[in-house]
Every structure is written in C-alpha cells, then in structure tokens.
Amino acid sequence: FGTSIIAFGMQLVLVDHFEYGAAWSAFAFGAFYVVVASLLWRRFAAERLLVEVFLALGVVFVTLVIPFALGASDTAGAWALEGAGLIWIGLRQDRALARAAGIGLQIAAAAFWLGHHPSSSVDMFVNSSYLSGIMLAAAGFFSARLYRSVPSKREAGCEPLFIVWFVLWWFGIGFREVVQFIEEDLISNWLVGYFALSAVAITLLARKWQWPRMQASALLAVGIYAVAALQHILDSEGPLHELGGWLIWPLGIAAYYWVLHQAQSRVYDHVPGVAHALTGLLLLSVLHWELLWLAREVLELHETWTFSLMALLNIAALQLIHRASFWPIVDWPHAYIGGISSVVGLSLGLMILASFDSAGSAPPLPWVPILNPLDAMTLIGVLCLTTLWLDLGKLYRVMGQPASIRVAWICLGLAGFVWLNVTLFRVLHHGWGLTYDLEAMLDSSIAQTALTILWVVVG
C-alpha cells in the first residue's frame, strides 16, 4: 500500500499539466495491479494474500478514474478507500496498527471533505463532490462488513459505528445533492424517491448477507420522509400530490412498508417497532395535510366542516387500528395501539377541547343541538377515546388498574359536564342571540339562570 500511494502521488505531480492526466494514470495503475493479480493467481496460487492485496489496489485505482475524469481536486474518496483497504489487510494479518491507521485515514478523509466544502457545479449525482462522498460511504460499508465477525472484544463496537458512518454519509450526501440541484417545490418528491430506493437497496443487500444490523439501518429512512414532508409544508402552500407527488409519495411509502415487512423478526424488535410508529404517524400527517388542502382550496368548506373532517380522519384511524386483523397492526400492537393510537387519541382530545371555542355554525345547514358536525364529532370521538383507554388497559397492565380506570371515568365525567355547558351556550347563542363568549355569557341573566338549572339537574 505504501508503494502505490507514494508512486501515485508523484505520478499526479508529473501529469498535472495534462488534461485527464490523473484519470488516465489512475486507470493505468488499476489495470497494472489487476493484471499482476491475475498473473500471480495463475502461476503462484499459494500467494493468495498478495493476489488479494493487488486486486484490492486495482479496484481502488479503477474507482478513482471517475472523480479524476470529472476534475476532482480532492483526495478524500481515495483516502477513504485506502483506509478500508488498510482495515482489511489489518484484519487478515492481525495487525492492530494497520486497522487503527485505516480508521484514522477514513476520519481524515471525512475531515478533508468537510473542511473544503466541495461544491457540486456539474450535474446532480454526476460530479466529483458526490462521488467522493459515495466513496466515503462505501468505505464505511465495507469496513462494517469486515468488522462484522471480528474476534476482538475491544473492537466489537466498530461494526455498528461504521454502519452509522455509512448511513450518515450515504443519506447525507444524497440529501445535500437533492437540496442543491432540485427546485424548491420538487425537493420533497426527490428526497422520498432517493431514500426509498436507498432503503430498498440496503434491505436487499442485508438480506443477501443475513446482516440484521445493516438491515435495521434501512429503517432510518422514515426520518427523511418526515423531513421531506415538513420541508414541503413549511416552504409550500400546495398539496404533496402536485408535481408528480401523487405517484412518488404512495410508491415511496409502499416501498418503505415493504422494507418494514422484510425487517419482521430479522432485526432487533424495538427498531422496527419505532419505525412502524413513526411511519404510521407520518402517513396520517400527510393525509391530514392533503385533506386540509382539499377542504379549504377545492371544496371551500366552512371552518366547522373543515375542523370536523380533520377530526373524522383521526376517528377513522383509531377505528382502523383497534379493529384491524391484518399486518402490520396485529403484529405490532405496541407500535400501533400503544404508540400511534395514543398520539392520535391525544390529538383528537385536543381537537375536541379546541372545538368548544366555536359556536358550531355549519352553513348551509341550520344549527341543531347534538345533530351538528361538532357535537357529532365530539360524541363519536369520546366513544373512540374510551375504546382506546380500554385497549391500552389490555396492552399495559398499569392502565388496567382500578385506580387508572377511576381516573378515566373522572376525566370522562368532567368532559361530559364541560360539553353540556358548551351545548347550553350554543343554544343560547343560536336561540336567544347571545354573544358566544364566556365573559358575555356569564354577564347575562338568561345564561346565569340556564346554568343554574343545568347544574342543579346534573348535580
């Protein structure tokens, strides 16, 4: 390795004034080592280690042809690949110093790449900056693969660290490339597509090699899905289905659910459970955003109808989760009932409380007590929340204790009492013309009399 690095460094100086001189030199070096490896394998089969070393060097130099041909001036990618090669030879020859040098070289390569902030000014995914980052990711992947079966207990933690290293570089360089080259309105679609394909590819490789930890790393793609959705919501007022999103988002989420299905019982239980919960919440968030846009921009519904539709989506989600008998809900009850349903239930409870601030008008229909969108949503929502609490009691023992059940009944009673008062205020507003405001209601003698009668009856 030392000979090749020193010789190639001097060669770069010699051919610096030639166009594509570095690229042709890398190609020549790579071809030389591949030919020598082939000759050694045919004539001296016993020298297997030397053959493997020359073959590795040949692959490294041939790989360097692309960035040098594109005019790359940095050597971060070369250092990273050389570092992976040093780890490989260090493990083969049981040399701790070589392994340490390989790890240090990859860290130095990353520092060099980050320190120079190389800009991508040619084409997306076809430029030296992106390819150098991919080399850093590939070196991390190869190093993690090497450390998978390392016998040393001191270095047992290197495999997960290199997996994290690979994931950060692979996903990070792709994220940077998309954000730099793609128009703002299309960024979320491209991110979902890139990370969906990445997750599928990682899953296929991990399945082939029976590599649970690497397969678990593919589940991290859901975080980028969430970032893509948030970026779109913050930077664009349009729906996600525009500009091809109607195809990209469903395919991306379907691909990710396939990744989750492949992770069933193949990776650590808590990892896919968290991924299932985050994916379900992301899917619900996307549906909420699309429904909100449909209600406001297309149907132009009154706020009461819009609010009720949003709550209805939460109610439908709760009903689906608690009544479903298919994958993935039945296989991951803690993720869907304990995680997603709890968050959706909390959201529904807050929406019910927020609805008390509205007088309940739902034009063009007249307001009728109980038979109006907000009251119907409230009653159905309370029933769903009750079902949620009972199912949580079956899933978590502490939720099924008598004390917890008493607290649930107290909360239900308080909610019902508040709803009765709100319904009375709405009756006074629509029937007697009182201003729907708490302070105004309390100053009215009619409202005071009505409240007194109501509270006596409830008492």
Protein backbone atom coordinates (compact mmCIF):
# COMPACT_ATOMS: atom_id res chain seq x y z
CA PHE A 1 0.00 0.00 0.00
CA GLY A 2 2.83 2.40 0.78
CA THR A 3 4.45 1.91 -2.63
CA SER A 4 1.24 2.55 -4.51
CA ILE A 5 0.35 5.67 -2.50
CA ILE A 6 3.81 7.26 -2.87
CA ALA A 7 4.14 6.34 -6.54
CA PHE A 8 0.67 7.60 -7.39
CA GLY A 9 1.30 10.87 -5.53
CA MET A 10 4.45 11.52 -7.62
CA GLN A 11 2.62 10.47 -10.79
CA LEU A 12 -0.09 13.09 -10.14
CA VAL A 13 2.59 15.80 -9.98
CA LEU A 14 4.15 14.58 -13.25
CA VAL A 15 0.84 14.62 -15.19
CA ASP A 16 -0.71 17.67 -13.55
CA HIS A 17 -0.43 19.78 -16.74
CA PHE A 18 -2.10 17.13 -18.96
CA GLU A 19 -5.86 17.07 -19.49
CA TYR A 20 -7.29 13.99 -17.73
CA GLY A 21 -3.73 13.04 -16.82
CA ALA A 22 -4.77 11.97 -13.30
CA ALA A 23 -7.67 9.90 -14.65
CA TRP A 24 -5.51 8.05 -17.20
CA SER A 25 -2.86 7.48 -14.53
CA ALA A 26 -5.42 6.00 -12.12
CA PHE A 27 -6.68 3.76 -14.92
CA ALA A 28 -3.14 2.61 -15.73
CA PHE A 29 -2.35 1.90 -12.08
CA GLY A 30 -5.59 -0.04 -11.68
CA ALA A 31 -5.02 -2.06 -14.85
CA PHE A 32 -1.44 -2.84 -13.77
CA TYR A 33 -2.48 -4.22 -10.37
CA VAL A 34 -5.38 -6.23 -11.84
CA VAL A 35 -3.05 -7.82 -14.46
CA VAL A 36 -0.40 -8.61 -11.84
CA ALA A 37 -3.04 -10.16 -9.56
CA SER A 38 -4.30 -12.27 -12.46
CA LEU A 39 -0.78 -13.50 -13.31
CA LEU A 40 0.02 -14.31 -9.69
CA TRP A 41 -3.24 -16.24 -9.32
CA ARG A 42 -2.47 -18.36 -12.36
CA ARG A 43 1.19 -19.10 -11.65
CA PHE A 44 1.56 -18.81 -7.88
CA ALA A 45 -1.78 -19.85 -6.39
CA ALA A 46 -0.16 -20.15 -2.95
CA GLU A 47 0.37 -16.39 -2.79
CA ARG A 48 -3.36 -15.81 -2.21
CA LEU A 49 -2.86 -12.92 0.21
CA LEU A 50 -0.68 -10.97 -2.23
CA VAL A 51 -3.19 -11.63 -5.01
CA GLU A 52 -5.98 -10.22 -2.87
CA VAL A 53 -3.92 -7.15 -1.99
CA PHE A 54 -3.12 -6.38 -5.65
CA LEU A 55 -6.73 -6.97 -6.64
CA ALA A 56 -7.91 -4.56 -3.94
CA LEU A 57 -5.44 -1.93 -5.16
CA GLY A 58 -6.59 -2.44 -8.74
CA VAL A 59 -10.22 -1.87 -7.73
CA VAL A 60 -9.28 1.25 -5.75
CA PHE A 61 -7.42 2.87 -8.64
CA VAL A 62 -10.04 1.96 -11.24
CA THR A 63 -12.66 3.52 -8.93
CA LEU A 64 -10.60 6.71 -8.79
CA VAL A 65 -10.83 7.15 -12.57
CA ILE A 66 -14.35 8.65 -12.42
CA PRO A 67 -13.74 11.55 -9.99
CA PHE A 68 -10.41 12.39 -11.60
CA ALA A 69 -12.03 12.38 -15.02
CA LEU A 70 -14.59 14.86 -13.74
CA GLY A 71 -11.87 17.19 -12.50
CA ALA A 72 -12.00 16.39 -8.79
CA SER A 73 -9.16 18.04 -6.93
CA ASP A 74 -9.67 16.44 -3.54
CA THR A 75 -8.38 13.08 -2.38
CA ALA A 76 -11.00 12.35 0.29
CA GLY A 77 -12.50 9.45 -1.64
CA ALA A 78 -9.11 7.89 -2.28
CA TRP A 79 -8.14 8.19 1.38
CA ALA A 80 -11.40 6.58 2.49
CA LEU A 81 -10.99 3.61 0.18
CA GLU A 82 -7.36 3.21 1.15
CA GLY A 83 -8.44 3.31 4.80
CA ALA A 84 -10.90 0.49 4.20
CA GLY A 85 -8.14 -1.46 2.47
CA LEU A 86 -5.86 -0.99 5.48
CA ILE A 87 -8.58 -2.30 7.79
CA TRP A 88 -9.00 -5.33 5.55
CA ILE A 89 -5.29 -6.15 5.47
CA GLY A 90 -5.02 -5.42 9.21
CA LEU A 91 -7.72 -7.97 9.96
CA ARG A 92 -6.20 -10.52 7.58
CA GLN A 93 -2.75 -10.20 9.15
CA ASP A 94 -4.00 -9.45 12.69
CA ARG A 95 -2.22 -6.09 12.79
CA ALA A 96 -3.86 -3.63 15.17
CA LEU A 97 -1.71 -0.75 13.92
CA ALA A 98 -2.89 -1.23 10.34
CA ARG A 99 -6.53 -1.28 11.47
CA ALA A 100 -6.03 1.86 13.52
CA ALA A 101 -4.37 3.55 10.54
CA GLY A 102 -7.30 2.56 8.33
CA ILE A 103 -9.84 4.04 10.77
CA GLY A 104 -7.75 7.19 11.14
CA LEU A 105 -7.43 7.57 7.38
CA GLN A 106 -11.20 7.43 6.93
CA ILE A 107 -11.69 10.06 9.65
CA ALA A 108 -9.06 12.24 7.98
CA ALA A 109 -10.81 11.79 4.63
CA ALA A 110 -14.11 12.93 6.13
CA ALA A 111 -12.44 15.94 7.78
CA PHE A 112 -10.76 16.87 4.49
CA TRP A 113 -14.05 16.62 2.57
CA LEU A 114 -15.98 18.66 5.15
CA GLY A 115 -13.18 21.20 5.55
CA HIS A 116 -13.03 22.05 1.85
CA HIS A 117 -16.82 22.17 1.40
CA PRO A 118 -16.61 20.94 -2.21
CA SER A 119 -19.41 22.36 -4.34
CA SER A 120 -21.32 20.36 -6.94
CA SER A 121 -21.38 22.52 -10.06
CA VAL A 122 -21.73 19.99 -12.89
CA ASP A 123 -24.71 17.64 -12.79
CA MET A 124 -26.64 16.08 -9.96
CA PHE A 125 -25.19 12.71 -8.90
CA VAL A 126 -22.53 13.01 -11.64
CA ASN A 127 -19.87 15.19 -10.07
CA SER A 128 -16.69 14.69 -8.08
CA SER A 129 -18.16 16.02 -4.85
CA TYR A 130 -21.00 13.49 -4.77
CA LEU A 131 -18.78 10.61 -5.89
CA SER A 132 -16.22 11.41 -3.19
CA GLY A 133 -18.99 11.31 -0.60
CA ILE A 134 -20.21 7.99 -2.01
CA MET A 135 -16.66 6.64 -1.67
CA LEU A 136 -16.67 7.65 1.99
CA ALA A 137 -19.98 5.83 2.42
CA ALA A 138 -18.73 2.76 0.53
CA ALA A 139 -15.60 2.64 2.68
CA GLY A 140 -17.78 2.72 5.80
CA PHE A 141 -20.00 -0.05 4.42
CA PHE A 142 -17.00 -2.24 3.56
CA SER A 143 -15.39 -1.59 6.95
CA ALA A 144 -18.61 -2.50 8.79
CA ARG A 145 -18.77 -5.69 6.76
CA LEU A 146 -15.18 -6.52 7.73
CA TYR A 147 -15.78 -5.87 11.43
CA ARG A 148 -18.94 -7.97 11.49
CA SER A 149 -17.04 -11.09 12.58
CA VAL A 150 -14.03 -9.54 14.29
CA PRO A 151 -12.91 -11.76 17.20
CA SER A 152 -11.53 -8.92 19.36
CA LYS A 153 -13.91 -7.76 22.10
CA ARG A 154 -12.25 -4.34 22.14
CA GLU A 155 -13.22 -3.75 18.51
CA ALA A 156 -16.68 -5.37 18.67
CA GLY A 157 -18.28 -1.91 18.69
CA CYS A 158 -16.66 -0.94 15.39
CA GLU A 159 -19.35 -2.65 13.28
CA PRO A 160 -22.31 -0.53 14.50
CA LEU A 161 -20.13 2.60 14.42
CA PHE A 162 -19.20 2.02 10.79
CA ILE A 163 -22.85 1.27 9.95
CA VAL A 164 -23.76 4.66 11.39
CA TRP A 165 -20.85 6.16 9.46
CA PHE A 166 -22.13 4.61 6.23
CA VAL A 167 -25.73 5.75 6.84
CA LEU A 168 -24.71 9.32 7.65
CA TRP A 169 -22.59 9.66 4.51
CA TRP A 170 -24.93 7.84 2.13
CA PHE A 171 -28.10 9.63 3.21
CA GLY A 172 -26.35 12.91 4.00
CA ILE A 173 -24.62 13.27 0.62
CA GLY A 174 -27.86 12.37 -1.18
CA PHE A 175 -29.81 14.92 0.85
CA ARG A 176 -27.22 17.59 0.07
CA GLU A 177 -27.28 16.79 -3.63
CA VAL A 178 -31.07 16.99 -3.90
CA VAL A 179 -31.32 20.24 -1.95
CA GLN A 180 -28.56 21.84 -4.04
CA PHE A 181 -29.81 20.93 -7.51
CA ILE A 182 -33.61 20.48 -7.32
CA GLU A 183 -36.16 23.27 -7.38
CA GLU A 184 -37.76 24.03 -4.03
CA ASP A 185 -41.20 22.68 -4.96
CA LEU A 186 -39.74 19.32 -6.04
CA ILE A 187 -37.30 18.72 -3.19
CA SER A 188 -39.69 16.63 -1.07
CA ASN A 189 -40.54 14.34 -4.01
CA TRP A 190 -36.89 13.76 -4.88
CA LEU A 191 -35.94 13.11 -1.25
CA VAL A 192 -38.66 10.49 -0.87
CA GLY A 193 -37.64 8.80 -4.13
CA TYR A 194 -33.92 8.79 -3.29
CA PHE A 195 -34.37 7.45 0.21
CA ALA A 196 -36.99 4.88 -0.78
CA LEU A 197 -34.61 3.40 -3.36
CA SER A 198 -31.74 3.54 -0.86
CA ALA A 199 -33.75 1.73 1.83
CA VAL A 200 -34.80 -0.98 -0.64
CA ALA A 201 -31.21 -1.47 -1.86
CA ILE A 202 -29.80 -1.68 1.67
CA THR A 203 -32.52 -4.17 2.63
CA LEU A 204 -31.75 -6.41 -0.34
CA LEU A 205 -28.02 -6.42 0.43
CA ALA A 206 -28.61 -7.05 4.13
CA ARG A 207 -30.98 -9.94 3.35
CA LYS A 208 -28.44 -11.49 0.99
CA TRP A 209 -25.72 -11.40 3.64
CA GLN A 210 -28.06 -12.04 6.60
CA TRP A 211 -26.92 -8.82 8.24
CA PRO A 212 -29.54 -7.68 10.82
CA ARG A 213 -27.76 -4.51 11.92
CA MET A 214 -27.37 -3.22 8.40
CA GLN A 215 -30.99 -4.10 7.66
CA ALA A 216 -32.03 -2.08 10.71
CA SER A 217 -30.19 0.94 9.28
CA ALA A 218 -32.57 1.00 6.29
CA LEU A 219 -35.41 1.80 8.69
CA LEU A 220 -33.87 5.21 9.39
CA ALA A 221 -35.17 6.41 6.02
CA VAL A 222 -38.52 7.25 7.63
CA GLY A 223 -36.84 10.18 9.34
CA ILE A 224 -36.04 11.70 5.95
CA TYR A 225 -39.62 11.09 4.83
CA ALA A 226 -40.73 13.19 7.78
CA VAL A 227 -38.16 15.90 6.96
CA ALA A 228 -39.34 15.94 3.33
CA ALA A 229 -42.99 16.32 4.36
CA LEU A 230 -42.13 19.05 6.87
CA GLN A 231 -39.98 20.87 4.31
CA HIS A 232 -42.85 20.87 1.83
CA ILE A 233 -45.40 22.03 4.39
CA LEU A 234 -43.17 24.89 5.58
CA ASP A 235 -41.96 26.04 2.15
CA SER A 236 -45.03 25.41 0.00
CA GLU A 237 -48.72 26.04 0.48
CA GLY A 238 -49.66 23.44 -2.14
CA PRO A 239 -50.51 19.78 -1.57
CA LEU A 240 -47.98 16.99 -1.66
CA HIS A 241 -49.62 15.32 -4.65
CA GLU A 242 -48.67 18.13 -7.04
CA LEU A 243 -45.75 17.89 -9.48
CA GLY A 244 -45.71 14.11 -9.53
CA GLY A 245 -46.13 13.68 -5.80
CA TRP A 246 -49.31 11.68 -6.40
CA LEU A 247 -47.03 8.90 -7.69
CA ILE A 248 -43.81 9.42 -5.70
CA TRP A 249 -45.31 9.55 -2.20
CA PRO A 250 -47.55 6.44 -2.46
CA LEU A 251 -44.72 4.45 -4.08
CA GLY A 252 -42.23 5.70 -1.51
CA ILE A 253 -44.42 4.81 1.47
CA ALA A 254 -45.33 1.44 -0.11
CA ALA A 255 -41.62 0.71 -0.65
CA TYR A 256 -40.89 1.61 2.94
CA TYR A 257 -43.65 -0.68 4.23
CA TRP A 258 -42.03 -3.43 2.16
CA VAL A 259 -38.77 -2.66 3.94
CA LEU A 260 -40.61 -2.88 7.26
CA HIS A 261 -42.13 -6.21 6.25
CA GLN A 262 -38.71 -7.58 5.37
CA ALA A 263 -37.44 -6.45 8.77
CA GLN A 264 -40.07 -8.58 10.50
CA SER A 265 -38.26 -10.79 13.02
CA ARG A 266 -34.95 -10.17 11.23
CA VAL A 267 -33.79 -7.14 13.19
CA TYR A 268 -33.99 -6.06 16.79
CA ASP A 269 -37.63 -5.87 17.92
CA HIS A 270 -37.61 -2.30 19.21
CA VAL A 271 -36.14 -0.85 16.00
CA PRO A 272 -38.93 -1.86 13.57
CA GLY A 273 -41.50 -1.07 16.28
CA VAL A 274 -40.35 2.54 16.45
CA ALA A 275 -40.16 2.67 12.64
CA HIS A 276 -43.75 1.38 12.36
CA ALA A 277 -44.98 4.03 14.80
CA LEU A 278 -43.15 6.86 13.01
CA THR A 279 -44.33 5.65 9.59
CA GLY A 280 -47.96 5.48 10.69
CA LEU A 281 -47.81 8.97 12.18
CA LEU A 282 -46.12 10.29 9.04
CA LEU A 283 -48.80 8.74 6.84
CA LEU A 284 -51.55 10.29 8.97
CA SER A 285 -49.81 13.69 8.86
CA VAL A 286 -49.63 13.55 5.06
CA LEU A 287 -53.32 12.60 4.85
CA HIS A 288 -54.23 15.46 7.21
CA TRP A 289 -52.33 17.95 5.05
CA GLU A 290 -53.98 16.69 1.86
CA LEU A 291 -57.45 16.72 3.46
CA LEU A 292 -56.92 20.24 4.80
CA TRP A 293 -55.95 21.47 1.32
CA LEU A 294 -58.96 19.70 -0.23
CA ALA A 295 -61.41 21.19 2.27
CA ARG A 296 -60.05 24.74 2.03
CA GLU A 297 -58.93 25.16 -1.56
CA VAL A 298 -61.17 22.80 -3.57
CA LEU A 299 -64.40 22.37 -1.60
CA GLU A 300 -64.08 25.77 0.16
CA LEU A 301 -65.84 24.45 3.23
CA HIS A 302 -66.73 26.44 6.33
CA GLU A 303 -64.23 26.15 9.20
CA THR A 304 -66.63 23.95 11.19
CA TRP A 305 -66.85 21.40 8.39
CA THR A 306 -63.08 21.51 7.86
CA PHE A 307 -62.44 21.01 11.56
CA SER A 308 -64.90 18.12 11.71
CA LEU A 309 -63.33 16.41 8.70
CA MET A 310 -59.88 16.62 10.28
CA ALA A 311 -61.23 15.08 13.48
CA LEU A 312 -63.08 12.45 11.44
CA LEU A 313 -59.77 11.31 9.95
CA ASN A 314 -58.41 10.77 13.47
CA ILE A 315 -61.56 8.85 14.41
CA ALA A 316 -61.26 6.66 11.30
CA ALA A 317 -57.60 5.98 12.11
CA LEU A 318 -58.48 4.91 15.66
CA GLN A 319 -61.26 2.64 14.41
CA LEU A 320 -58.97 1.03 11.84
CA ILE A 321 -56.17 0.42 14.31
CA HIS A 322 -58.41 -1.04 17.02
CA ARG A 323 -60.49 -3.24 14.74
CA ALA A 324 -57.94 -4.37 12.15
CA SER A 325 -56.89 -8.01 11.92
CA PHE A 326 -54.10 -7.76 9.34
CA TRP A 327 -50.39 -6.92 9.11
CA PRO A 328 -48.81 -4.78 10.36
CA ILE A 329 -51.28 -3.73 13.05
CA VAL A 330 -51.83 -7.16 14.64
CA ASP A 331 -48.08 -7.90 14.58
CA TRP A 332 -47.04 -4.66 16.23
CA PRO A 333 -49.73 -3.76 18.81
CA HIS A 334 -47.36 -1.71 20.94
CA ALA A 335 -46.39 0.42 17.95
CA TYR A 336 -49.90 0.98 16.63
CA ILE A 337 -52.14 0.86 19.71
CA GLY A 338 -49.58 1.95 22.28
CA GLY A 339 -47.83 4.47 20.04
CA ILE A 340 -49.89 5.73 17.11
CA SER A 341 -53.30 5.44 18.79
CA SER A 342 -52.05 7.26 21.88
CA VAL A 343 -50.76 10.18 19.82
CA VAL A 344 -53.89 10.25 17.62
CA GLY A 345 -56.09 10.00 20.71
CA LEU A 346 -54.28 12.90 22.35
CA SER A 347 -54.66 14.90 19.16
CA LEU A 348 -58.38 14.07 18.99
CA GLY A 349 -58.85 15.08 22.63
CA LEU A 350 -57.17 18.42 21.99
CA MET A 351 -59.33 18.93 18.90
CA ILE A 352 -62.47 18.29 20.97
CA LEU A 353 -61.33 20.85 23.53
CA ALA A 354 -60.50 23.33 20.76
CA SER A 355 -63.96 22.84 19.21
CA PHE A 356 -65.56 24.25 22.38
CA ASP A 357 -64.32 27.65 21.29
CA SER A 358 -66.59 27.53 18.21
CA ALA A 359 -70.30 28.40 18.18
CA GLY A 360 -70.87 25.37 15.96
CA SER A 361 -72.33 27.14 12.91
CA ALA A 362 -72.14 24.87 9.87
CA PRO A 363 -73.70 26.65 6.88
CA PRO A 364 -75.71 25.94 4.84
CA LEU A 365 -77.29 23.69 7.48
CA PRO A 366 -79.07 25.26 10.47
CA TRP A 367 -77.65 24.59 13.91
CA VAL A 368 -79.41 21.79 15.79
CA PRO A 369 -78.27 20.57 19.23
CA ILE A 370 -76.32 17.28 19.03
CA LEU A 371 -77.25 16.90 15.34
CA ASN A 372 -74.46 19.16 14.09
CA PRO A 373 -70.90 18.38 12.92
CA LEU A 374 -69.05 19.50 16.06
CA ASP A 375 -71.34 17.75 18.56
CA ALA A 376 -71.44 14.56 16.47
CA MET A 377 -67.66 14.64 16.20
CA THR A 378 -67.37 15.16 19.97
CA LEU A 379 -69.65 12.25 20.90
CA ILE A 380 -68.07 9.82 18.45
CA GLY A 381 -64.61 11.00 19.49
CA VAL A 382 -65.33 10.38 23.18
CA LEU A 383 -66.50 6.84 22.37
CA CYS A 384 -63.29 6.21 20.41
CA LEU A 385 -61.18 7.57 23.27
CA THR A 386 -62.99 5.24 25.66
CA THR A 387 -62.20 2.29 23.40
CA LEU A 388 -58.58 3.44 23.23
CA TRP A 389 -58.32 3.53 27.03
CA LEU A 390 -59.81 0.02 27.36
CA ASP A 391 -57.41 -1.39 24.76
CA LEU A 392 -54.47 0.30 26.43
CA GLY A 393 -55.57 -1.37 29.66
CA LYS A 394 -55.28 -4.76 27.94
CA LEU A 395 -51.88 -3.88 26.50
CA TYR A 396 -50.34 -2.23 29.56
CA ARG A 397 -51.15 -3.60 32.98
CA VAL A 398 -50.83 -0.23 34.72
CA MET A 399 -53.59 1.22 32.53
CA GLY A 400 -55.97 -1.55 33.61
CA GLN A 401 -55.55 -0.99 37.35
CA PRO A 402 -58.67 0.15 39.30
CA ALA A 403 -57.05 3.49 40.13
CA SER A 404 -56.35 4.20 36.45
CA ILE A 405 -59.90 3.23 35.49
CA ARG A 406 -61.27 5.61 38.15
CA VAL A 407 -59.15 8.42 36.71
CA ALA A 408 -60.52 7.64 33.24
CA TRP A 409 -64.12 7.79 34.47
CA ILE A 410 -63.44 11.09 36.26
CA CYS A 411 -61.95 12.57 33.08
CA LEU A 412 -64.90 11.29 31.07
CA GLY A 413 -67.36 12.80 33.53
CA LEU A 414 -65.59 16.17 33.51
CA ALA A 415 -65.50 16.17 29.71
CA GLY A 416 -69.22 15.40 29.57
CA PHE A 417 -70.00 18.18 32.04
CA VAL A 418 -67.96 20.70 30.03
CA TRP A 419 -69.68 19.56 26.81
CA LEU A 420 -73.14 20.08 28.38
CA ASN A 421 -72.20 23.64 29.34
CA VAL A 422 -70.83 24.35 25.86
CA THR A 423 -74.00 22.95 24.28
CA LEU A 424 -76.07 25.22 26.53
CA PHE A 425 -74.02 28.25 25.46
CA ARG A 426 -74.55 27.32 21.82
CA VAL A 427 -78.31 27.03 22.40
CA LEU A 428 -78.33 30.49 23.98
CA HIS A 429 -76.25 31.87 21.10
CA HIS A 430 -78.36 30.44 18.27
CA GLY A 431 -81.76 30.64 20.02
CA TRP A 432 -81.54 33.86 22.05
CA GLY A 433 -78.85 35.73 20.11
CA LEU A 434 -76.33 35.95 22.95
CA THR A 435 -72.71 36.55 22.00
CA TYR A 436 -70.76 33.29 22.05
CA ASP A 437 -68.17 34.43 24.56
CA LEU A 438 -67.61 33.16 28.09
CA GLU A 439 -67.43 36.59 29.69
CA ALA A 440 -70.54 37.79 27.84
CA MET A 441 -72.45 34.64 28.78
CA LEU A 442 -71.60 34.96 32.47
CA ASP A 443 -72.79 38.59 32.47
CA SER A 444 -76.18 37.59 31.02
CA SER A 445 -79.04 36.88 33.44
CA ILE A 446 -80.56 34.40 30.96
CA ALA A 447 -77.29 32.46 30.81
CA GLN A 448 -76.91 32.53 34.60
CA THR A 449 -80.43 31.14 35.08
CA ALA A 450 -79.88 28.45 32.45
CA LEU A 451 -76.56 27.43 34.01
CA THR A 452 -78.14 27.23 37.44
CA ILE A 453 -80.88 24.92 36.22
CA LEU A 454 -78.40 22.78 34.28
CA TRP A 455 -76.02 22.38 37.20
CA VAL A 456 -78.85 21.51 39.60
CA VAL A 457 -80.13 18.84 37.23
CA VAL A 458 -76.62 17.42 36.70
CA GLY A 459 -75.99 17.50 40.46
